Amino acid sequence: DLNGRTESGFGPTVDMLHVDMTWGSLEFQKTSGHIKAILDPLFDYVLADKPTYFHCSAGADRTGVVALLVEGILGVS
C-alpha cells in the first residue's frame, strides 16, 4: 500500500518502482506481465551495479518468489 506516495521512502535520489502483484492464480501471473514488470527493471539495476531493495506489503510469498527467481538467474545455488 503506497498511501499516495509517489517517491521512495529513501529520498528523491532513490528510484521507486511499484508493480501491483495481486497474486491471483499462477495462470494469471504467467499472462499478466507482472513478473516481467518486476524482473526487467530489477536486472537493469543489477547490470548497472545499483543497489536494489524490493519487498511487498506482506513480505512472504511474492517477495520470496522474486528472490528465488533472481538468485536462480544469477547462479546462486
Protein backbone atom coordinates (compact mmCIF):
# COMPACT_ATOMS: atom_id res chain seq x y z
CA ASP A 1 0.00 0.00 0.00
CA LEU A 2 1.60 3.23 -1.16
CA ASN A 3 -0.70 5.55 0.82
CA GLY A 4 -0.47 8.03 -2.06
CA ARG A 5 3.33 8.00 -2.08
CA THR A 6 4.99 8.57 -5.44
CA GLU A 7 8.59 8.87 -4.22
CA SER A 8 10.88 6.40 -2.50
CA GLY A 9 10.96 6.49 1.29
CA PHE A 10 14.75 6.60 0.91
CA GLY A 11 14.56 10.03 -0.73
CA PRO A 12 14.46 11.54 -4.21
CA THR A 13 17.81 10.08 -5.29
CA VAL A 14 16.48 6.53 -4.99
CA ASP A 15 14.14 5.28 -7.71
CA MET A 16 10.86 3.70 -6.70
CA LEU A 17 9.06 1.19 -8.88
CA HIS A 18 5.62 -0.03 -7.88
CA VAL A 19 4.23 -3.17 -9.50
CA ASP A 20 0.78 -4.39 -8.49
CA MET A 21 1.32 -8.01 -7.58
CA THR A 22 -2.23 -9.03 -6.77
CA TRP A 23 -1.43 -12.70 -6.60
CA GLY A 24 -4.38 -14.36 -8.32
CA SER A 25 -3.71 -17.71 -9.91
CA LEU A 26 -0.47 -18.95 -11.41
CA GLU A 27 -2.04 -18.70 -14.87
CA PHE A 28 -2.87 -15.04 -14.14
CA GLN A 29 0.76 -14.38 -13.16
CA LYS A 30 2.01 -16.05 -16.34
CA THR A 31 -0.17 -13.85 -18.54
CA SER A 32 -0.39 -10.58 -16.56
CA GLY A 33 3.14 -9.38 -17.24
CA HIS A 34 3.67 -8.56 -13.54
CA ILE A 35 6.69 -10.81 -13.10
CA LYS A 36 8.31 -9.33 -16.23
CA ALA A 37 7.48 -5.82 -14.96
CA ILE A 38 9.49 -6.62 -11.83
CA LEU A 39 12.39 -8.56 -13.33
CA ASP A 40 13.16 -6.22 -16.26
CA PRO A 41 13.94 -3.13 -14.16
CA LEU A 42 15.44 -5.25 -11.38
CA PHE A 43 18.04 -6.69 -13.74
CA ASP A 44 18.62 -3.26 -15.30
CA TYR A 45 19.66 -2.08 -11.83
CA VAL A 46 21.80 -5.16 -11.20
CA LEU A 47 23.57 -4.75 -14.55
CA ALA A 48 24.15 -1.05 -13.78
CA ASP A 49 25.64 -2.08 -10.40
CA LYS A 50 22.98 -0.14 -8.49
CA PRO A 51 21.92 -1.31 -5.04
CA THR A 52 18.43 -2.79 -5.15
CA TYR A 53 15.81 -3.34 -2.45
CA PHE A 54 12.46 -4.98 -3.02
CA HIS A 55 9.59 -6.02 -0.81
CA CYS A 56 5.85 -6.47 -0.71
CA SER A 57 3.31 -5.37 1.83
CA ALA A 58 3.07 -8.86 3.32
CA GLY A 59 6.71 -9.81 2.72
CA ALA A 60 6.09 -13.50 2.31
CA ASP A 61 5.22 -15.43 -0.82
CA ARG A 62 5.62 -12.81 -3.55
CA THR A 63 8.89 -11.45 -2.18
CA GLY A 64 10.24 -14.98 -1.79
CA VAL A 65 9.28 -15.96 -5.32
CA VAL A 66 11.01 -12.92 -6.80
CA ALA A 67 14.11 -13.56 -4.64
CA LEU A 68 14.16 -17.22 -5.72
CA LEU A 69 13.91 -16.31 -9.40
CA VAL A 70 16.58 -13.61 -9.17
CA GLU A 71 19.01 -15.79 -7.25
CA GLY A 72 18.46 -18.69 -9.65
CA ILE A 73 19.10 -16.49 -12.68
CA LEU A 74 22.23 -15.08 -11.03
CA GLY A 75 23.51 -18.62 -10.41
CA VAL A 76 23.10 -18.74 -6.63
CA SER A 77 22.83 -22.38 -5.51
